[in-house]
Amino acid sequence: MNFSWFASAYDNDDTLYRCLTFVQMAGSLVMAAGIPAVFQQHNFDMIIIGYVIMRLALVTQWIRVAKHDPLRKVTAYRYAIGIVLVQLGWLITNFSSIHLSPLLFLVLVICELAVPFYAEKHAITPWHPHHIVECYGLLTIIVLGESIIGCFAATQDAFSNQVLNLEEIFLIVGGLLMMFAMWWVYFDRSHHHHQRRGVQPFLWGYGHFLIFISIAVLGAALAAAVDVSTKHAEISAQMMGLIIAASLVVYSTCVWLFYEAFYLKGWRRWIYPITVFILLCLPFIFNQIGHIVFATAIVYILRLMLSKAFLMNCDDEPSIATH
């Protein structure tokens, strides 16, 4: 997130900027290499080393900003100092006798997220709404694609030596329809729509954490639902259906807050809360996971159709100036 907003403000695309971007890419690869150790040995060494590499490269970028943007010199130094202090926190808690407990982990995450709030209080850095919308949209479609690949890879493995029955067909079709509807809902906004409503920086930036997480959880849950349908999982169909419904609710709630919640009036305000209630009731109505997934997808597609028919171009919505 920090890279996207920094690039929107200070992407001069010179040699040093590209080299520092390469360092950040290397740090992300180190993090990826450390993921198996986290799940197998509860070892965060590689994850933290890779993360610190990424963050210190960004610190160098902020020091360059302090040198060349006098109006935001204090803001740039606040970013640089804040990021360095938090990285020291990660290194000390993980590589010293201090145990990186869940509480310390949560505190350091909060500190990471608080740095921009503190830094931007002095002087707000510039950014371009269309650029930010495009960057986040690209990552959203990547996460959606990865979720679809993971889900149907699991489906292929589970059914390679079996004959599909009706429930499993409902599961496959419902999962695909659900991902399709999620893609449509997110990208069913024109550039004019974004410009007219404006982009609220912190709501947009931090809210997308929940969007990315919910898509990933939903993709993993659909893949796990395959095991439920083939009787190779200990979790019940009802519980798996609740996980899928809850993930979809988190995703759609974020999109709803971005575009509709504060602009709708009258009966239009109640369409989404009613949809949420129906989605969370479906796991208790159907007994088989395939039927739950298919029904969830149909309800969400009907919500999309209602949105396009009655909510997308409301004449009574106020215009919001762009940044």
Protein backbone atom coordinates (compact mmCIF):
# COMPACT_ATOMS: atom_id res chain seq x y z
CA MET A 1 0.00 0.00 0.00
CA ASN A 2 2.77 2.43 0.87
CA PHE A 3 4.45 1.78 -2.48
CA SER A 4 1.28 2.56 -4.45
CA TRP A 5 0.63 5.85 -2.68
CA PHE A 6 4.28 6.87 -2.81
CA ALA A 7 4.44 6.11 -6.53
CA SER A 8 1.31 8.18 -7.12
CA ALA A 9 3.04 11.17 -5.51
CA TYR A 10 6.75 10.83 -6.34
CA ASP A 11 7.25 8.36 -9.19
CA ASN A 12 9.92 10.24 -11.17
CA ASP A 13 11.02 6.97 -12.80
CA ASP A 14 14.74 7.79 -12.67
CA THR A 15 17.53 5.23 -12.30
CA LEU A 16 17.69 5.32 -8.51
CA TYR A 17 13.89 5.01 -8.20
CA ARG A 18 13.92 1.90 -10.40
CA CYS A 19 16.84 0.38 -8.48
CA LEU A 20 15.08 0.92 -5.15
CA THR A 21 11.94 -0.62 -6.63
CA PHE A 22 14.04 -3.66 -7.53
CA VAL A 23 15.21 -3.87 -3.89
CA GLN A 24 11.59 -3.84 -2.75
CA MET A 25 10.78 -6.62 -5.22
CA ALA A 26 13.70 -8.64 -3.84
CA GLY A 27 12.39 -8.14 -0.33
CA SER A 28 8.97 -9.43 -1.35
CA LEU A 29 10.58 -12.55 -2.82
CA VAL A 30 12.46 -13.15 0.43
CA MET A 31 9.16 -12.87 2.28
CA ALA A 32 7.55 -15.39 -0.07
CA ALA A 33 10.45 -17.79 0.47
CA GLY A 34 9.86 -17.61 4.23
CA ILE A 35 6.17 -18.51 4.15
CA PRO A 36 6.61 -22.33 4.45
CA ALA A 37 8.77 -21.91 7.57
CA VAL A 38 5.98 -19.89 9.23
CA PHE A 39 3.43 -22.68 8.84
CA GLN A 40 5.77 -25.61 9.38
CA GLN A 41 8.05 -24.32 12.15
CA HIS A 42 6.42 -21.07 13.32
CA ASN A 43 9.63 -19.34 12.21
CA PHE A 44 9.23 -15.72 11.10
CA ASP A 45 12.94 -15.01 10.43
CA MET A 46 12.78 -14.90 6.63
CA ILE A 47 9.44 -13.10 6.59
CA ILE A 48 10.76 -10.31 8.80
CA ILE A 49 14.10 -10.01 6.97
CA GLY A 50 12.30 -9.68 3.65
CA TYR A 51 9.84 -7.18 5.07
CA VAL A 52 12.61 -5.03 6.54
CA ILE A 53 14.40 -5.02 3.17
CA MET A 54 11.22 -3.73 1.52
CA ARG A 55 10.62 -1.06 4.13
CA LEU A 56 14.18 0.27 4.28
CA ALA A 57 14.14 0.73 0.51
CA LEU A 58 11.06 2.91 0.97
CA VAL A 59 12.85 4.84 3.72
CA THR A 60 15.51 5.76 1.18
CA GLN A 61 12.78 7.03 -1.12
CA TRP A 62 11.35 9.23 1.63
CA ILE A 63 14.77 10.69 2.37
CA ARG A 64 14.96 11.68 -1.30
CA VAL A 65 11.57 13.36 -0.96
CA ALA A 66 12.77 15.32 2.07
CA LYS A 67 15.63 16.63 -0.02
CA HIS A 68 13.64 17.63 -3.10
CA ASP A 69 10.18 18.59 -1.72
CA PRO A 70 10.68 21.35 0.87
CA LEU A 71 6.95 21.79 1.50
CA ARG A 72 6.67 18.20 2.71
CA LYS A 73 10.11 17.78 4.23
CA VAL A 74 8.73 17.17 7.72
CA THR A 75 6.18 14.68 6.39
CA ALA A 76 8.91 12.75 4.55
CA TYR A 77 11.13 12.60 7.63
CA ARG A 78 8.18 11.46 9.74
CA TYR A 79 7.61 8.61 7.31
CA ALA A 80 11.30 7.69 7.28
CA ILE A 81 11.79 7.81 11.05
CA GLY A 82 8.49 6.06 11.79
CA ILE A 83 9.22 3.21 9.38
CA VAL A 84 12.76 2.74 10.74
CA LEU A 85 11.53 2.61 14.35
CA VAL A 86 8.91 -0.01 13.54
CA GLN A 87 11.46 -2.12 11.64
CA LEU A 88 13.72 -2.02 14.68
CA GLY A 89 10.74 -3.26 16.66
CA TRP A 90 10.29 -6.23 14.32
CA LEU A 91 13.99 -7.12 14.44
CA ILE A 92 14.35 -6.77 18.19
CA THR A 93 11.24 -8.74 19.09
CA ASN A 94 12.05 -11.57 16.68
CA PHE A 95 15.84 -11.94 17.00
CA SER A 96 16.32 -11.23 20.70
CA SER A 97 15.20 -13.06 23.82
CA ILE A 98 11.86 -11.27 23.55
CA HIS A 99 9.28 -13.66 22.15
CA LEU A 100 7.18 -12.38 19.24
CA SER A 101 3.87 -13.09 20.90
CA PRO A 102 0.52 -12.49 19.17
CA LEU A 103 0.07 -9.34 21.28
CA LEU A 104 3.44 -7.89 20.23
CA PHE A 105 2.70 -8.83 16.64
CA LEU A 106 -0.61 -6.94 16.80
CA VAL A 107 1.05 -3.89 18.41
CA LEU A 108 3.69 -3.72 15.67
CA VAL A 109 1.05 -4.07 12.95
CA ILE A 110 -0.89 -1.17 14.49
CA CYS A 111 2.32 0.87 14.60
CA GLU A 112 2.92 0.15 10.91
CA LEU A 113 -0.57 1.29 10.00
CA ALA A 114 -0.29 4.37 12.23
CA VAL A 115 2.83 5.80 10.54
CA PRO A 116 0.91 7.36 7.61
CA PHE A 117 -1.65 8.92 9.98
CA TYR A 118 1.14 10.56 11.95
CA ALA A 119 3.18 11.63 8.93
CA GLU A 120 0.31 13.08 6.89
CA LYS A 121 -0.86 15.33 9.75
CA HIS A 122 1.87 17.84 8.95
CA ALA A 123 1.36 18.12 5.19
CA ILE A 124 -0.63 15.80 2.93
CA THR A 125 1.34 14.22 0.11
CA PRO A 126 -0.11 14.58 -3.40
CA TRP A 127 -1.77 11.67 -5.18
CA HIS A 128 -3.78 11.01 -8.31
CA PRO A 129 -7.25 9.40 -7.87
CA HIS A 130 -7.25 7.58 -11.22
CA HIS A 131 -3.76 6.18 -10.58
CA ILE A 132 -4.72 4.90 -7.13
CA VAL A 133 -7.96 3.34 -8.38
CA GLU A 134 -6.05 1.60 -11.17
CA CYS A 135 -3.34 0.24 -8.83
CA TYR A 136 -5.84 -1.20 -6.37
CA GLY A 137 -7.99 -2.57 -9.17
CA LEU A 138 -5.01 -4.45 -10.62
CA LEU A 139 -4.23 -6.10 -7.29
CA THR A 140 -7.91 -6.94 -6.76
CA ILE A 141 -8.14 -8.76 -10.09
CA ILE A 142 -4.88 -10.61 -9.34
CA VAL A 143 -6.24 -11.86 -6.00
CA LEU A 144 -9.51 -12.87 -7.68
CA GLY A 145 -7.58 -14.77 -10.33
CA GLU A 146 -5.42 -16.56 -7.77
CA SER A 147 -8.52 -17.54 -5.80
CA ILE A 148 -10.19 -18.96 -8.90
CA ILE A 149 -7.04 -20.92 -9.82
CA GLY A 150 -6.70 -22.33 -6.30
CA CYS A 151 -10.37 -23.27 -6.13
CA PHE A 152 -10.48 -25.12 -9.40
CA ALA A 153 -7.09 -26.75 -8.92
CA ALA A 154 -8.58 -28.32 -5.81
CA THR A 155 -11.66 -29.29 -7.80
CA GLN A 156 -9.52 -30.96 -10.47
CA ASP A 157 -7.54 -32.93 -7.90
CA ALA A 158 -10.65 -34.07 -6.06
CA PHE A 159 -12.56 -35.18 -9.13
CA SER A 160 -9.75 -36.61 -11.24
CA ASN A 161 -10.82 -40.16 -10.40
CA GLN A 162 -14.49 -39.60 -9.71
CA VAL A 163 -17.71 -38.96 -11.57
CA LEU A 164 -19.28 -35.62 -10.76
CA ASN A 165 -22.65 -35.69 -9.08
CA LEU A 166 -25.28 -32.94 -9.04
CA GLU A 167 -24.09 -31.38 -5.77
CA GLU A 168 -20.53 -30.99 -7.02
CA ILE A 169 -21.77 -29.44 -10.27
CA PHE A 170 -23.75 -26.91 -8.20
CA LEU A 171 -20.58 -26.19 -6.20
CA ILE A 172 -18.41 -25.59 -9.27
CA VAL A 173 -20.97 -23.45 -11.09
CA GLY A 174 -21.86 -21.53 -7.93
CA GLY A 175 -18.21 -20.80 -7.09
CA LEU A 176 -17.51 -19.54 -10.60
CA LEU A 177 -20.67 -17.37 -10.61
CA MET A 178 -19.73 -15.96 -7.22
CA MET A 179 -16.23 -14.93 -8.34
CA PHE A 180 -17.69 -13.51 -11.55
CA ALA A 181 -20.21 -11.42 -9.61
CA MET A 182 -17.49 -10.18 -7.23
CA TRP A 183 -15.38 -9.08 -10.21
CA TRP A 184 -18.38 -7.36 -11.81
CA VAL A 185 -19.35 -5.53 -8.60
CA TYR A 186 -15.85 -4.19 -8.02
CA PHE A 187 -15.18 -3.03 -11.57
CA ASP A 188 -18.68 -1.81 -12.39
CA ARG A 189 -17.57 1.78 -11.83
CA SER A 190 -16.46 4.13 -14.57
CA HIS A 191 -13.54 6.54 -14.24
CA HIS A 192 -16.10 9.36 -14.10
CA HIS A 193 -17.78 7.64 -11.15
CA HIS A 194 -14.53 7.58 -9.18
CA GLN A 195 -13.72 11.19 -10.02
CA ARG A 196 -17.20 12.43 -9.12
CA ARG A 197 -17.25 10.72 -5.76
CA GLY A 198 -13.61 11.23 -4.95
CA VAL A 199 -11.24 8.84 -3.23
CA GLN A 200 -10.91 9.11 0.54
CA PRO A 201 -7.28 8.08 1.09
CA PHE A 202 -7.33 6.20 4.38
CA LEU A 203 -10.77 4.62 3.89
CA TRP A 204 -9.77 3.46 0.41
CA GLY A 205 -6.29 2.27 1.36
CA TYR A 206 -7.00 0.45 4.61
CA GLY A 207 -10.42 -0.76 3.50
CA HIS A 208 -8.79 -2.73 0.71
CA PHE A 209 -6.95 -4.85 3.25
CA LEU A 210 -10.34 -6.37 4.07
CA ILE A 211 -11.21 -6.71 0.39
CA PHE A 212 -8.02 -8.61 -0.40
CA ILE A 213 -8.31 -10.80 2.71
CA SER A 214 -11.96 -11.65 2.09
CA ILE A 215 -11.29 -12.63 -1.55
CA ALA A 216 -8.39 -14.87 -0.48
CA VAL A 217 -10.42 -16.47 2.32
CA LEU A 218 -13.36 -17.04 0.00
CA GLY A 219 -11.12 -18.70 -2.60
CA ALA A 220 -9.59 -20.96 0.04
CA ALA A 221 -13.04 -21.75 1.45
CA LEU A 222 -14.38 -22.73 -1.98
CA ALA A 223 -11.38 -25.02 -2.43
CA ALA A 224 -12.02 -26.55 1.01
CA ALA A 225 -15.71 -26.91 0.14
CA VAL A 226 -14.64 -29.45 -2.47
CA ASP A 227 -13.34 -31.67 0.35
CA VAL A 228 -16.60 -31.17 2.23
CA SER A 229 -18.64 -32.26 -0.80
CA THR A 230 -16.49 -35.38 -1.28
CA LYS A 231 -16.66 -36.25 2.45
CA HIS A 232 -12.91 -35.74 2.99
CA ALA A 233 -13.22 -32.91 5.55
CA GLU A 234 -14.16 -32.84 9.22
CA ILE A 235 -15.89 -29.45 9.03
CA SER A 236 -19.63 -29.47 8.44
CA ALA A 237 -21.33 -28.15 5.31
CA GLN A 238 -23.15 -25.58 7.43
CA MET A 239 -19.95 -24.20 8.96
CA MET A 240 -18.21 -24.07 5.58
CA GLY A 241 -21.23 -22.29 4.15
CA LEU A 242 -21.06 -19.71 6.95
CA ILE A 243 -17.36 -19.09 6.23
CA ILE A 244 -18.12 -18.55 2.54
CA ALA A 245 -21.11 -16.31 3.27
CA ALA A 246 -19.19 -14.28 5.87
CA SER A 247 -16.27 -13.75 3.48
CA LEU A 248 -18.63 -12.55 0.77
CA VAL A 249 -20.36 -10.25 3.26
CA VAL A 250 -17.04 -8.67 4.31
CA TYR A 251 -16.07 -8.12 0.67
CA SER A 252 -19.40 -6.68 -0.41
CA THR A 253 -19.69 -4.52 2.72
CA CYS A 254 -16.40 -2.79 1.89
CA VAL A 255 -17.54 -2.11 -1.68
CA TRP A 256 -20.90 -0.92 -0.34
CA LEU A 257 -19.21 1.49 2.05
CA PHE A 258 -17.01 2.85 -0.73
CA TYR A 259 -19.82 3.57 -3.16
CA GLU A 260 -23.32 3.37 -1.74
CA ALA A 261 -23.75 3.54 2.03
CA PHE A 262 -23.33 7.30 2.43
CA TYR A 263 -25.12 8.30 -0.76
CA LEU A 264 -28.36 6.32 -0.77
CA LYS A 265 -31.64 7.53 0.66
CA GLY A 266 -34.95 5.99 1.63
CA TRP A 267 -35.65 2.36 0.79
CA ARG A 268 -32.44 2.05 -1.22
CA ARG A 269 -30.45 2.02 2.03
CA TRP A 270 -32.09 -1.23 3.08
CA ILE A 271 -31.38 -3.36 0.01
CA TYR A 272 -27.86 -4.30 1.05
CA PRO A 273 -28.59 -5.07 4.77
CA ILE A 274 -31.43 -7.34 3.65
CA THR A 275 -29.07 -9.08 1.24
CA VAL A 276 -26.57 -9.68 4.07
CA PHE A 277 -29.31 -11.21 6.23
CA ILE A 278 -30.35 -13.56 3.41
CA LEU A 279 -26.75 -14.61 2.69
CA LEU A 280 -26.11 -15.49 6.33
CA CYS A 281 -29.36 -17.48 6.51
CA LEU A 282 -28.66 -19.67 3.47
CA PRO A 283 -26.27 -22.09 5.30
CA PHE A 284 -29.13 -22.89 7.69
CA ILE A 285 -31.65 -23.45 4.88
CA PHE A 286 -29.69 -25.92 2.73
CA ASN A 287 -27.94 -29.06 3.94
CA GLN A 288 -25.42 -29.65 1.15
CA ILE A 289 -22.45 -27.36 0.51
CA GLY A 290 -23.01 -27.34 -3.26
CA HIS A 291 -26.54 -26.05 -2.83
CA ILE A 292 -25.39 -23.45 -0.29
CA VAL A 293 -22.70 -22.09 -2.63
CA PHE A 294 -25.03 -22.03 -5.63
CA ALA A 295 -27.81 -20.28 -3.69
CA THR A 296 -25.31 -17.76 -2.29
CA ALA A 297 -24.11 -16.96 -5.80
CA ILE A 298 -27.66 -16.52 -7.12
CA VAL A 299 -28.60 -14.16 -4.27
CA TYR A 300 -25.46 -12.09 -4.83
CA ILE A 301 -26.11 -11.89 -8.60
CA LEU A 302 -29.68 -10.75 -7.92
CA ARG A 303 -28.20 -8.08 -5.62
CA LEU A 304 -25.95 -7.02 -8.50
CA MET A 305 -28.93 -6.75 -10.84
CA LEU A 306 -30.87 -4.66 -8.32
CA SER A 307 -27.84 -2.44 -7.84
CA LYS A 308 -27.54 -1.78 -11.56
CA ALA A 309 -31.27 -1.16 -11.90
CA PHE A 310 -31.91 1.06 -8.88
CA LEU A 311 -28.70 2.13 -7.13
CA MET A 312 -25.93 2.91 -9.62
CA ASN A 313 -27.22 6.21 -11.00
CA CYS A 314 -29.39 7.70 -8.30
CA ASP A 315 -30.26 11.31 -9.12
CA ASP A 316 -30.53 12.19 -5.45
CA GLU A 317 -26.89 11.28 -4.69
CA PRO A 318 -24.76 14.31 -3.80
CA SER A 319 -21.64 15.04 -5.77
CA ILE A 320 -18.35 14.92 -3.91
CA ALA A 321 -15.41 16.99 -5.03
CA THR A 322 -12.23 15.19 -5.87
CA HIS A 323 -9.06 15.67 -3.90
